[in-house]
Amino acid sequence: MTYYNLPPTKFANEFNDFEKSLRALPADGAIKGLDLLETITRNTAQNPKEEKFRKVRTTNEKMAPFFNLPGSIAVMKNMGWEQEAEFMVLPKSITLDFPQHVVKILEAKSHFGKVQEQEKRVAKLAQDPNKATTLKQLELDRRERTAADSMTKNSIPLSPKSAEEAELAEAIKLSLEQAPEAKAETPSPPKAGVEAPEVPAAPAPKSEKKESAFDFKRREDPEKKRQEQENSLADIRALQKQKFKEHQADPDAKKSEAYQRPPTIAPGGSEEKGWFDWMWGGSSSSSSGGGGGGGGGGGYDRKPRMKTVKDLPPPPKRG
């Protein structure tokens, strides 16, 4: 019965040639070199038709952290790259993708990260004589159990997970063998009547404090950032103002082609009338034309003409 009735997890039985060549790289500097290989692979996978991503110079100084690793050329060839003099060229018939190439590189980086963490842990434990002796005894016990199991059971191919554990165990074994035996010796008890010297306790390692919402923050920091933004905006405005002044000082600036072209009107649109045309109907007014507001007559008149005193009926004539 599986966990919550989920299907059982399936692990790959063995690595392919590409994965084996990735893990065959030396642990020292492998992560930095694989970062460059990941960048190349991502660019090629995202832009398969770009020729500049399908050709890499091996003598490039920026690519030195990868190509200086032993086995880097073999890794490129297992991906499909071909070597031509000092270049690595990817043929047009080969396409790199994320599941088969980028993901495998990320898994290799994770593998080397675990190896480095394990080496640091082993080196730290080897500094303590008591822990070093205990680890050495555990390693001997593990060897005895492995030998007993191999005699009673048939040999079974290791899975990737067990292979990584075997590599880590081998690293622990080598570090323990290289540790000096003098560290494993226990100190002799002090003689009677002689006070043992006090050994100062080792300072506890300082843990990095995580940032929280209750941490004190200076007001000067956001204020300084805001001031920098305002200064940047002021520089942009000063630059635009300087451009405008240079344009005004140039006598030939308004003689350019842009100023000579007529104003454009969108299809189906009409030219907007000015305020003078709207008020007077397109012509100048005349005091003798019969009205203050409509002297032009018939042009562009949106409102009725305003009546004046002249529109009143004449008074009746008296004897």
Protein backbone atom coordinates (compact mmCIF):
# COMPACT_ATOMS: atom_id res chain seq x y z
CA MET A 1 0.00 0.00 0.00
CA THR A 2 1.43 3.35 -1.01
CA TYR A 3 1.27 6.70 0.75
CA TYR A 4 -2.29 8.09 0.47
CA ASN A 5 -2.97 5.55 -2.30
CA LEU A 6 -0.65 7.44 -4.65
CA PRO A 7 1.25 5.53 -7.35
CA PRO A 8 4.71 4.40 -6.29
CA THR A 9 7.64 6.61 -7.19
CA LYS A 10 9.73 5.41 -10.13
CA PHE A 11 13.48 5.99 -10.14
CA ALA A 12 15.74 5.67 -13.15
CA ASN A 13 17.82 2.52 -13.07
CA GLU A 14 20.95 4.17 -14.40
CA PHE A 15 22.28 7.42 -15.82
CA ASN A 16 22.73 8.00 -19.52
CA ASP A 17 26.06 9.02 -21.06
CA PHE A 18 25.29 12.71 -20.73
CA GLU A 19 24.48 12.44 -17.02
CA LYS A 20 27.53 10.27 -16.37
CA SER A 21 29.82 12.78 -18.08
CA LEU A 22 28.30 15.60 -16.00
CA ARG A 23 28.95 13.78 -12.73
CA ALA A 24 32.46 12.85 -13.88
CA LEU A 25 33.54 16.48 -13.72
CA PRO A 26 35.78 17.42 -10.77
CA ALA A 27 33.83 18.70 -7.79
CA ASP A 28 36.13 21.69 -7.38
CA GLY A 29 34.75 24.37 -9.71
CA ALA A 30 32.04 22.14 -11.22
CA ILE A 31 29.11 24.31 -10.10
CA LYS A 32 30.62 27.48 -11.57
CA GLY A 33 31.35 25.72 -14.86
CA LEU A 34 27.88 24.17 -15.02
CA ASP A 35 26.35 27.63 -14.57
CA LEU A 36 27.97 28.67 -17.86
CA LEU A 37 26.87 25.45 -19.56
CA GLU A 38 23.31 26.03 -18.34
CA THR A 39 23.32 29.55 -19.82
CA ILE A 40 24.55 28.27 -23.20
CA THR A 41 21.96 25.49 -23.23
CA ARG A 42 19.09 27.80 -22.27
CA ASN A 43 19.98 30.31 -24.99
CA THR A 44 20.20 27.56 -27.60
CA ALA A 45 16.91 25.96 -26.49
CA GLN A 46 15.03 29.27 -26.49
CA ASN A 47 16.53 30.50 -29.78
CA PRO A 48 17.16 27.39 -31.90
CA LYS A 49 17.54 29.37 -35.16
CA GLU A 50 20.09 31.88 -33.86
CA GLU A 51 23.51 30.98 -35.26
CA LYS A 52 25.39 32.95 -32.60
CA PHE A 53 24.12 30.59 -29.89
CA ARG A 54 25.10 27.47 -31.84
CA LYS A 55 28.82 28.25 -31.97
CA VAL A 56 31.06 28.60 -28.90
CA ARG A 57 34.76 29.45 -28.81
CA THR A 58 36.61 27.21 -26.36
CA THR A 59 39.41 29.77 -25.89
CA ASN A 60 37.03 32.49 -24.71
CA GLU A 61 38.13 33.82 -21.32
CA LYS A 62 34.54 34.05 -20.10
CA MET A 63 34.07 30.33 -20.79
CA ALA A 64 37.34 29.35 -19.07
CA PRO A 65 35.65 28.14 -15.82
CA PHE A 66 33.88 25.44 -17.85
CA PHE A 67 36.34 24.50 -20.58
CA ASN A 68 39.23 24.33 -18.09
CA LEU A 69 37.48 21.44 -16.34
CA PRO A 70 38.69 17.97 -17.40
CA GLY A 71 35.91 16.26 -19.34
CA SER A 72 34.11 19.42 -20.45
CA ILE A 73 34.56 18.60 -24.15
CA ALA A 74 33.10 15.13 -23.55
CA VAL A 75 30.04 16.73 -21.94
CA MET A 76 29.51 18.98 -24.96
CA LYS A 77 29.89 16.06 -27.38
CA ASN A 78 27.33 13.99 -25.47
CA MET A 79 24.88 16.87 -25.96
CA GLY A 80 25.49 16.81 -29.73
CA TRP A 81 28.13 19.52 -30.13
CA GLU A 82 30.95 18.94 -32.60
CA GLN A 83 34.48 20.27 -32.25
CA GLU A 84 35.90 22.30 -35.15
CA ALA A 85 39.37 23.64 -34.33
CA GLU A 86 38.86 25.99 -31.37
CA PHE A 87 35.06 26.10 -31.73
CA MET A 88 32.24 23.87 -30.54
CA VAL A 89 29.46 23.87 -33.15
CA LEU A 90 25.94 22.48 -32.74
CA PRO A 91 24.60 21.01 -36.02
CA LYS A 92 21.26 22.24 -37.30
CA SER A 93 19.81 18.72 -37.10
CA ILE A 94 20.18 18.68 -33.28
CA THR A 95 17.81 20.58 -31.01
CA LEU A 96 18.41 21.11 -27.31
CA ASP A 97 15.42 21.16 -24.96
CA PHE A 98 14.75 21.73 -21.29
CA PRO A 99 13.74 18.23 -20.05
CA GLN A 100 16.64 16.36 -21.64
CA HIS A 101 19.43 18.90 -21.20
CA VAL A 102 18.70 21.87 -18.90
CA VAL A 103 17.06 19.71 -16.23
CA LYS A 104 19.98 17.25 -16.28
CA ILE A 105 22.43 20.11 -15.78
CA LEU A 106 20.39 21.38 -12.81
CA GLU A 107 20.40 17.89 -11.30
CA ALA A 108 24.18 17.69 -11.70
CA LYS A 109 24.58 21.05 -9.97
CA SER A 110 22.44 19.81 -7.10
CA HIS A 111 24.60 16.67 -6.89
CA PHE A 112 27.84 18.66 -6.62
CA GLY A 113 26.24 20.97 -4.07
CA LYS A 114 25.44 17.98 -1.84
CA VAL A 115 28.98 16.67 -2.26
CA GLN A 116 30.49 19.98 -1.19
CA GLU A 117 28.19 20.22 1.83
CA GLN A 118 29.13 16.69 2.84
CA GLU A 119 32.84 17.46 2.53
CA LYS A 120 32.44 20.53 4.73
CA ARG A 121 30.51 18.51 7.29
CA VAL A 122 33.14 15.77 7.34
CA ALA A 123 35.97 18.30 7.68
CA LYS A 124 34.18 19.92 10.60
CA LEU A 125 33.61 16.58 12.33
CA ALA A 126 37.22 15.51 11.78
CA GLN A 127 38.42 18.44 13.89
CA ASP A 128 36.85 16.86 16.98
CA PRO A 129 38.95 13.82 18.10
CA ASN A 130 36.03 12.02 19.77
CA LYS A 131 33.74 12.44 16.78
CA ALA A 132 36.50 11.38 14.40
CA THR A 133 37.03 8.16 16.34
CA THR A 134 33.28 7.47 16.36
CA LEU A 135 32.99 8.06 12.62
CA LYS A 136 35.90 5.76 11.95
CA GLN A 137 34.29 3.01 14.01
CA LEU A 138 30.97 3.50 12.18
CA GLU A 139 32.78 3.22 8.87
CA LEU A 140 34.39 -0.07 9.94
CA ASP A 141 31.00 -1.42 11.02
CA ARG A 142 29.50 -0.42 7.70
CA ARG A 143 32.23 -2.28 5.82
CA GLU A 144 31.58 -5.41 7.86
CA ARG A 145 27.84 -5.26 7.16
CA THR A 146 28.48 -4.71 3.47
CA ALA A 147 30.79 -7.71 3.31
CA ALA A 148 28.27 -9.91 5.13
CA ASP A 149 25.43 -8.84 2.85
CA SER A 150 27.48 -9.49 -0.28
CA MET A 151 28.11 -13.06 0.82
CA THR A 152 24.43 -13.85 1.48
CA LYS A 153 22.75 -11.94 -1.37
CA ASN A 154 23.33 -11.62 -5.06
CA SER A 155 24.79 -8.39 -6.35
CA ILE A 156 22.07 -5.87 -7.23
CA PRO A 157 22.80 -2.82 -9.47
CA LEU A 158 22.78 0.39 -7.50
CA SER A 159 20.12 2.98 -8.13
CA PRO A 160 21.14 6.62 -8.59
CA LYS A 161 20.17 7.35 -4.99
CA SER A 162 22.25 4.51 -3.55
CA ALA A 163 25.13 5.41 -5.88
CA GLU A 164 25.20 8.94 -4.47
CA GLU A 165 25.17 7.54 -0.94
CA ALA A 166 28.10 5.29 -1.82
CA GLU A 167 30.03 8.27 -3.18
CA LEU A 168 29.37 10.25 -0.01
CA ALA A 169 30.45 7.31 2.14
CA GLU A 170 33.65 7.04 0.12
CA ALA A 171 34.33 10.75 0.67
CA ILE A 172 33.85 10.28 4.43
CA LYS A 173 36.22 7.32 4.39
CA LEU A 174 38.96 9.25 2.60
CA SER A 175 38.64 12.24 4.92
CA LEU A 176 38.86 10.00 7.97
CA GLU A 177 41.90 8.18 6.64
CA GLN A 178 43.64 11.49 5.93
CA ALA A 179 42.92 12.84 9.44
CA PRO A 180 45.98 12.56 11.74
CA GLU A 181 45.85 9.79 14.32
CA ALA A 182 47.12 12.18 17.00
CA LYS A 183 43.75 13.89 17.10
CA ALA A 184 42.04 10.64 18.06
CA GLU A 185 44.16 10.17 21.20
CA THR A 186 42.37 10.99 24.40
CA PRO A 187 44.13 13.37 26.80
CA SER A 188 45.76 11.79 29.86
CA PRO A 189 44.09 12.47 33.23
CA PRO A 190 45.76 15.11 35.44
CA LYS A 191 48.01 13.96 38.26
CA ALA A 192 46.91 14.10 41.88
CA GLY A 193 47.47 17.44 43.53
CA VAL A 194 47.91 19.25 40.26
CA GLU A 195 45.10 21.44 39.05
CA ALA A 196 44.19 21.00 35.43
CA PRO A 197 44.41 24.21 33.41
CA GLU A 198 41.10 25.68 32.45
CA VAL A 199 40.37 25.40 28.76
CA PRO A 200 38.39 28.33 27.40
CA ALA A 201 35.11 27.29 25.85
CA ALA A 202 34.87 27.67 22.12
CA PRO A 203 32.63 30.56 21.10
CA ALA A 204 29.27 29.49 19.77
CA PRO A 205 28.84 30.09 16.05
CA LYS A 206 26.84 33.18 15.29
CA SER A 207 23.64 32.45 13.47
CA GLU A 208 22.60 34.83 10.75
CA LYS A 209 19.66 36.94 11.82
CA LYS A 210 16.74 36.78 9.45
CA GLU A 211 15.09 39.99 8.41
CA SER A 212 11.66 40.57 9.94
CA ALA A 213 9.04 43.30 10.06
CA PHE A 214 10.18 44.32 13.56
CA ASP A 215 13.76 45.15 12.54
CA PHE A 216 14.82 48.76 12.98
CA LYS A 217 15.31 50.64 9.74
CA ARG A 218 16.74 54.09 9.41
CA ARG A 219 14.57 56.79 7.92
CA GLU A 220 17.53 58.07 5.97
CA ASP A 221 17.57 55.04 3.67
CA PRO A 222 14.14 55.50 1.98
CA GLU A 223 14.60 59.26 2.09
CA LYS A 224 17.94 58.95 0.34
CA LYS A 225 16.44 56.65 -2.27
CA ARG A 226 13.58 59.10 -2.91
CA GLN A 227 16.06 61.97 -3.21
CA GLU A 228 18.07 60.03 -5.78
CA GLN A 229 14.91 59.42 -7.81
CA GLU A 230 14.02 63.12 -7.70
CA ASN A 231 17.53 64.07 -8.77
CA SER A 232 17.29 61.67 -11.67
CA LEU A 233 13.95 63.18 -12.73
CA ALA A 234 15.43 66.68 -12.42
CA ASP A 235 18.33 65.66 -14.66
CA ILE A 236 15.90 64.41 -17.31
CA ARG A 237 13.92 67.66 -17.18
CA ALA A 238 17.11 69.74 -17.42
CA LEU A 239 18.17 67.71 -20.45
CA GLN A 240 14.82 68.28 -22.17
CA LYS A 241 14.99 71.99 -21.35
CA GLN A 242 18.48 72.21 -22.82
CA LYS A 243 17.28 70.50 -26.01
CA PHE A 244 14.41 73.02 -26.28
CA LYS A 245 16.79 75.96 -25.87
CA GLU A 246 19.09 74.60 -28.56
CA HIS A 247 16.08 74.21 -30.85
CA GLN A 248 15.00 77.79 -30.23
CA ALA A 249 18.51 79.12 -30.83
CA ASP A 250 18.84 77.32 -34.18
CA PRO A 251 17.44 79.61 -36.95
CA ASP A 252 17.07 76.71 -39.39
CA ALA A 253 15.26 74.42 -36.96
CA LYS A 254 11.76 75.35 -38.22
CA LYS A 255 12.80 74.93 -41.84
CA SER A 256 13.06 71.17 -41.56
CA GLU A 257 10.78 68.78 -43.41
CA ALA A 258 8.62 68.10 -40.34
CA TYR A 259 7.61 71.77 -40.11
CA GLN A 260 6.88 72.04 -43.86
CA ARG A 261 4.38 69.20 -43.98
CA PRO A 262 0.66 70.09 -43.63
CA PRO A 263 -1.19 68.86 -40.56
CA THR A 264 -2.53 65.33 -40.90
CA ILE A 265 -6.23 64.48 -40.54
CA ALA A 266 -7.43 60.97 -39.75
CA PRO A 267 -9.55 59.18 -42.39
CA GLY A 268 -13.18 60.25 -42.05
CA GLY A 269 -12.28 63.22 -39.83
CA SER A 270 -12.60 66.94 -40.39
CA GLU A 271 -10.49 69.94 -39.55
CA GLU A 272 -11.44 71.50 -36.26
CA LYS A 273 -12.62 75.11 -36.47
CA GLY A 274 -10.96 77.80 -34.46
CA TRP A 275 -12.68 79.93 -31.84
CA PHE A 276 -12.95 82.87 -34.27
CA ASP A 277 -14.75 80.76 -36.89
CA TRP A 278 -17.13 79.40 -34.30
CA MET A 279 -18.13 82.81 -33.00
CA TRP A 280 -18.34 84.87 -36.21
CA GLY A 281 -19.19 82.27 -38.78
CA GLY A 282 -15.96 82.43 -40.72
CA SER A 283 -15.62 86.18 -41.50
CA SER A 284 -15.03 89.46 -39.74
CA SER A 285 -17.92 91.38 -38.23
CA SER A 286 -19.27 94.67 -39.51
CA SER A 287 -21.20 97.26 -37.59
CA SER A 288 -23.38 97.98 -40.61
CA GLY A 289 -24.12 94.42 -41.48
CA GLY A 290 -27.20 94.13 -39.44
CA GLY A 291 -26.34 92.49 -36.22
CA GLY A 292 -23.54 92.09 -33.82
CA GLY A 293 -23.16 88.34 -33.91
CA GLY A 294 -23.82 87.22 -37.47
CA GLY A 295 -22.21 89.75 -39.75
CA GLY A 296 -20.41 87.09 -41.82
CA GLY A 297 -23.53 85.43 -43.01
CA GLY A 298 -23.93 81.79 -43.76
CA GLY A 299 -20.59 80.34 -42.91
CA TYR A 300 -20.25 78.24 -39.80
CA ASP A 301 -22.98 79.36 -37.40
CA ARG A 302 -23.93 76.97 -34.64
CA LYS A 303 -26.11 79.34 -32.57
CA PRO A 304 -28.99 81.67 -33.57
CA ARG A 305 -28.18 85.33 -34.10
CA MET A 306 -28.66 87.48 -31.04
CA LYS A 307 -31.40 90.14 -31.38
CA THR A 308 -30.51 93.78 -30.79
CA VAL A 309 -32.33 97.12 -30.45
CA LYS A 310 -32.52 97.42 -34.22
CA ASP A 311 -34.83 94.42 -34.34
CA LEU A 312 -37.58 96.23 -32.32
CA PRO A 313 -40.57 97.53 -34.28
CA PRO A 314 -40.47 101.26 -35.09
CA PRO A 315 -42.60 103.51 -32.85
CA PRO A 316 -45.94 104.74 -34.26
CA LYS A 317 -45.98 108.10 -35.88
CA ARG A 318 -48.01 110.78 -34.14
CA GLY A 319 -49.72 113.74 -35.89
